[in-house]
Amino acid sequence: MNSLDVNGRVSTESGRESSAFTNKLKFMRRIRRPDKRRTQISSIHSDGVPDGNLKEVDVSPDIVTSKLAESQDKITKSLTEENDSLRNKNTTLRYQVELLSEQLNDLRDVNMDLKSQNSRIREENSILRNEQSQLTARNDCLVEQIILLQKMLEDMGVTLDEEGGFVLNGDTDSSPLEFVAREDGENSCNGTSTNPASYRKPPACDNKLDFL
């Protein structure tokens, strides 16, 4: 027998032995590796089964599947209810935001209306103040003219009787006077002369006097 043949046979047998040893080692590792499925099954049924009878319980895959499906349904139902609640809250908040936005727009419109009304009232107030100033000046002018006319009548000896008519006193040398009221719509305050007596002209209403 050739030495090469012997060496080939030895190497072949050693390779077979090493391969068999490797397979045995893998099998032992598989046996020693914990089964996750058995651990889950034991954890699910550990509450309802006493510790002494745990080894005697025969757990079928259908029971495990039903338990998992039941727990999954509970979780799904809880998440669905929570999701619906959040959707309702979101809808309510959106409605409130839209309502507040509409109220804000209404308040802006009201604010603009109030600003425009305030501007108009200020303009009207300014106009009324100017008119009041003009009327006050005219009133002062008329009062001044009345005082001057009264003095002129007293100088002429003219008095008023009980009926409101003019009476000329008898101790004056002047002839009787007749006073005619001229209703032309203008008076001395407007630039025209309405002299009740021919010998004196009332002054212009430049100076304002306080009588009250």
Protein backbone atom coordinates (compact mmCIF):
# COMPACT_ATOMS: atom_id res chain seq x y z
CA MET A 1 0.00 0.00 0.00
CA ASN A 2 1.31 3.33 -0.96
CA SER A 3 2.02 5.95 1.71
CA LEU A 4 0.02 8.56 -0.20
CA ASP A 5 -3.10 6.44 -0.05
CA VAL A 6 -2.68 5.93 3.67
CA ASN A 7 -2.29 9.61 4.28
CA GLY A 8 -5.38 10.38 2.18
CA ARG A 9 -7.50 7.92 4.11
CA VAL A 10 -6.32 9.30 7.44
CA SER A 11 -7.11 12.86 6.42
CA THR A 12 -10.55 11.83 5.15
CA GLU A 13 -11.41 10.03 8.37
CA SER A 14 -10.17 12.91 10.50
CA GLY A 15 -12.32 15.32 8.45
CA ARG A 16 -15.36 13.15 8.97
CA GLU A 17 -14.75 12.97 12.70
CA SER A 18 -14.33 16.74 12.99
CA SER A 19 -17.55 17.31 11.03
CA ALA A 20 -19.46 14.90 13.27
CA PHE A 21 -18.06 16.61 16.36
CA THR A 22 -19.14 20.01 15.01
CA ASN A 23 -22.68 18.77 14.39
CA LYS A 24 -22.91 17.35 17.90
CA LEU A 25 -21.70 20.64 19.36
CA LYS A 26 -24.34 22.59 17.43
CA PHE A 27 -27.04 20.20 18.60
CA MET A 28 -25.99 20.60 22.23
CA ARG A 29 -26.06 24.38 21.90
CA ARG A 30 -29.57 24.23 20.47
CA ILE A 31 -30.73 22.13 23.37
CA ARG A 32 -29.18 24.44 25.95
CA ARG A 33 -30.56 27.64 24.26
CA PRO A 34 -33.76 28.86 26.09
CA ASP A 35 -36.94 28.71 24.13
CA LYS A 36 -38.49 32.21 24.00
CA ARG A 37 -41.87 30.87 23.04
CA ARG A 38 -42.01 28.57 26.07
CA THR A 39 -40.98 31.46 28.31
CA GLN A 40 -43.83 33.65 26.97
CA ILE A 41 -46.34 30.83 27.35
CA SER A 42 -45.26 30.16 30.92
CA SER A 43 -45.47 33.89 31.77
CA ILE A 44 -49.02 34.12 30.34
CA HIS A 45 -50.35 31.11 32.27
CA SER A 46 -48.34 31.55 35.46
CA ASP A 47 -51.13 33.65 37.05
CA GLY A 48 -53.89 31.05 36.65
CA VAL A 49 -51.88 27.89 37.35
CA PRO A 50 -50.24 26.93 40.69
CA ASP A 51 -46.49 26.47 40.77
CA GLY A 52 -46.77 22.80 41.59
CA ASN A 53 -48.94 22.03 38.56
CA LEU A 54 -47.04 24.22 36.10
CA LYS A 55 -45.24 21.27 34.56
CA GLU A 56 -48.47 19.36 34.06
CA VAL A 57 -50.23 22.12 32.08
CA ASP A 58 -50.49 21.44 28.37
CA VAL A 59 -50.57 24.82 26.58
CA SER A 60 -51.79 24.63 23.03
CA PRO A 61 -50.88 27.20 20.34
CA ASP A 62 -54.56 28.12 19.94
CA ILE A 63 -54.80 29.27 23.56
CA VAL A 64 -51.64 31.31 23.21
CA THR A 65 -52.91 32.85 19.99
CA SER A 66 -56.28 33.68 21.55
CA LYS A 67 -54.63 35.27 24.57
CA LEU A 68 -52.33 37.35 22.41
CA ALA A 69 -55.23 38.37 20.18
CA GLU A 70 -57.29 39.34 23.23
CA SER A 71 -54.52 41.49 24.69
CA GLN A 72 -53.89 43.03 21.28
CA ASP A 73 -57.60 43.83 20.93
CA LYS A 74 -57.61 45.51 24.33
CA ILE A 75 -54.59 47.63 23.44
CA THR A 76 -56.07 48.50 20.06
CA LYS A 77 -59.40 49.45 21.64
CA SER A 78 -57.69 51.63 24.24
CA LEU A 79 -55.60 53.39 21.61
CA THR A 80 -58.66 53.88 19.40
CA GLU A 81 -60.66 55.43 22.23
CA GLU A 82 -57.78 57.72 23.13
CA ASN A 83 -57.38 58.71 19.49
CA ASP A 84 -61.10 59.50 19.20
CA SER A 85 -60.93 61.60 22.36
CA LEU A 86 -57.98 63.55 20.99
CA ARG A 87 -59.81 64.10 17.71
CA ASN A 88 -62.84 65.44 19.54
CA LYS A 89 -60.66 67.79 21.57
CA ASN A 90 -58.93 68.94 18.40
CA THR A 91 -62.27 69.63 16.72
CA THR A 92 -63.50 71.56 19.76
CA LEU A 93 -60.34 73.64 19.90
CA ARG A 94 -60.54 74.43 16.19
CA TYR A 95 -64.15 75.55 16.61
CA GLN A 96 -63.17 77.76 19.54
CA VAL A 97 -60.30 79.26 17.54
CA GLU A 98 -62.63 80.06 14.63
CA LEU A 99 -65.18 81.56 17.03
CA LEU A 100 -62.54 83.72 18.70
CA SER A 101 -61.26 84.80 15.28
CA GLU A 102 -64.77 85.91 14.28
CA GLN A 103 -65.19 87.77 17.56
CA LEU A 104 -61.84 89.46 17.03
CA ASN A 105 -62.88 90.59 13.55
CA ASP A 106 -66.16 91.93 14.97
CA LEU A 107 -64.27 93.84 17.65
CA ARG A 108 -61.97 95.31 14.99
CA ASP A 109 -64.98 96.48 12.98
CA VAL A 110 -66.55 98.00 16.09
CA ASN A 111 -63.26 99.71 16.92
CA MET A 112 -63.05 101.19 13.43
CA ASP A 113 -66.66 102.43 13.68
CA LEU A 114 -65.96 104.00 17.07
CA LYS A 115 -62.85 105.70 15.71
CA SER A 116 -64.79 107.17 12.79
CA GLN A 117 -67.59 108.30 15.13
CA ASN A 118 -65.01 109.86 17.44
CA SER A 119 -63.48 111.76 14.52
CA ARG A 120 -66.90 113.06 13.45
CA ILE A 121 -67.75 114.07 17.01
CA ARG A 122 -64.46 115.95 17.32
CA GLU A 123 -65.12 117.81 14.08
CA GLU A 124 -68.66 118.69 15.18
CA ASN A 125 -67.36 119.78 18.58
CA SER A 126 -64.79 122.04 16.93
CA ILE A 127 -67.49 123.58 14.72
CA LEU A 128 -69.78 124.11 17.71
CA ARG A 129 -66.97 125.77 19.65
CA ASN A 130 -66.33 128.17 16.80
CA GLU A 131 -70.04 128.97 16.57
CA GLN A 132 -70.20 129.47 20.33
CA SER A 133 -67.26 131.88 20.17
CA GLN A 134 -68.94 133.84 17.38
CA LEU A 135 -72.29 133.94 19.22
CA THR A 136 -70.59 135.05 22.43
CA ALA A 137 -68.82 137.89 20.63
CA ARG A 138 -72.05 138.93 18.94
CA ASN A 139 -73.95 138.81 22.23
CA ASP A 140 -71.33 141.00 23.90
CA CYS A 141 -71.59 143.47 21.02
CA LEU A 142 -75.38 143.62 21.27
CA VAL A 143 -75.28 144.11 25.03
CA GLU A 144 -72.80 146.95 24.58
CA GLN A 145 -75.07 148.60 22.02
CA ILE A 146 -78.08 148.26 24.32
CA ILE A 147 -76.20 150.02 27.12
CA LEU A 148 -75.14 152.83 24.78
CA LEU A 149 -78.69 153.24 23.49
CA GLN A 150 -80.04 153.40 27.02
CA LYS A 151 -77.55 156.14 27.84
CA MET A 152 -78.49 158.02 24.68
CA LEU A 153 -82.20 157.82 25.54
CA GLU A 154 -81.54 159.04 29.04
CA ASP A 155 -79.57 162.00 27.65
CA MET A 156 -82.49 162.82 25.35
CA GLY A 157 -85.00 162.60 28.23
CA VAL A 158 -86.85 159.61 26.81
CA THR A 159 -88.24 157.03 29.21
CA LEU A 160 -90.38 153.92 28.98
CA ASP A 161 -93.96 153.89 30.23
CA GLU A 162 -95.81 150.96 31.79
CA GLU A 163 -96.92 149.68 28.41
CA GLY A 164 -93.39 149.66 27.04
CA GLY A 165 -93.75 152.77 24.92
CA PHE A 166 -91.34 155.71 24.67
CA VAL A 167 -92.31 158.89 26.54
CA LEU A 168 -90.50 162.21 26.12
CA ASN A 169 -90.03 164.17 29.32
CA GLY A 170 -91.53 167.74 29.33
CA ASP A 171 -88.46 169.53 30.72
CA THR A 172 -86.40 169.07 27.55
CA ASP A 173 -86.10 171.69 24.83
CA SER A 174 -85.90 169.15 22.03
CA SER A 175 -88.90 168.32 19.89
CA PRO A 176 -90.71 164.97 20.17
CA LEU A 177 -88.93 162.07 18.46
CA GLU A 178 -90.43 159.10 16.80
CA PHE A 179 -88.42 155.87 16.76
CA VAL A 180 -89.05 153.59 13.84
CA ALA A 181 -87.83 150.00 13.99
CA ARG A 182 -86.05 149.00 10.86
CA GLU A 183 -86.36 145.29 10.14
CA ASP A 184 -83.71 144.86 7.46
CA GLY A 185 -82.13 141.80 9.05
CA GLU A 186 -78.87 143.66 9.80
CA ASN A 187 -77.54 145.60 12.76
CA SER A 188 -74.46 147.52 13.71
CA CYS A 189 -72.65 144.31 14.64
CA ASN A 190 -72.85 143.23 10.99
CA GLY A 191 -71.36 146.46 9.67
CA THR A 192 -74.52 148.62 9.09
CA SER A 193 -75.68 151.64 11.05
CA THR A 194 -79.11 151.70 12.76
CA ASN A 195 -78.89 154.87 14.81
CA PRO A 196 -81.92 155.46 17.08
CA ALA A 197 -80.77 159.07 17.49
CA SER A 198 -79.31 161.33 14.83
CA TYR A 199 -76.79 163.07 16.98
CA ARG A 200 -74.80 160.01 18.19
CA LYS A 201 -73.52 156.89 16.51
CA PRO A 202 -72.81 153.80 18.60
CA PRO A 203 -69.21 152.67 18.42
CA ALA A 204 -68.16 149.53 16.61
CA CYS A 205 -68.22 146.25 18.52
CA ASP A 206 -64.49 145.90 18.82
CA ASN A 207 -64.27 146.16 22.59
CA LYS A 208 -65.97 143.45 24.63
CA LEU A 209 -67.51 144.40 27.95
CA ASP A 210 -68.50 142.10 30.80
CA PHE A 211 -71.85 143.05 32.26
CA LEU A 212 -72.82 139.93 34.17
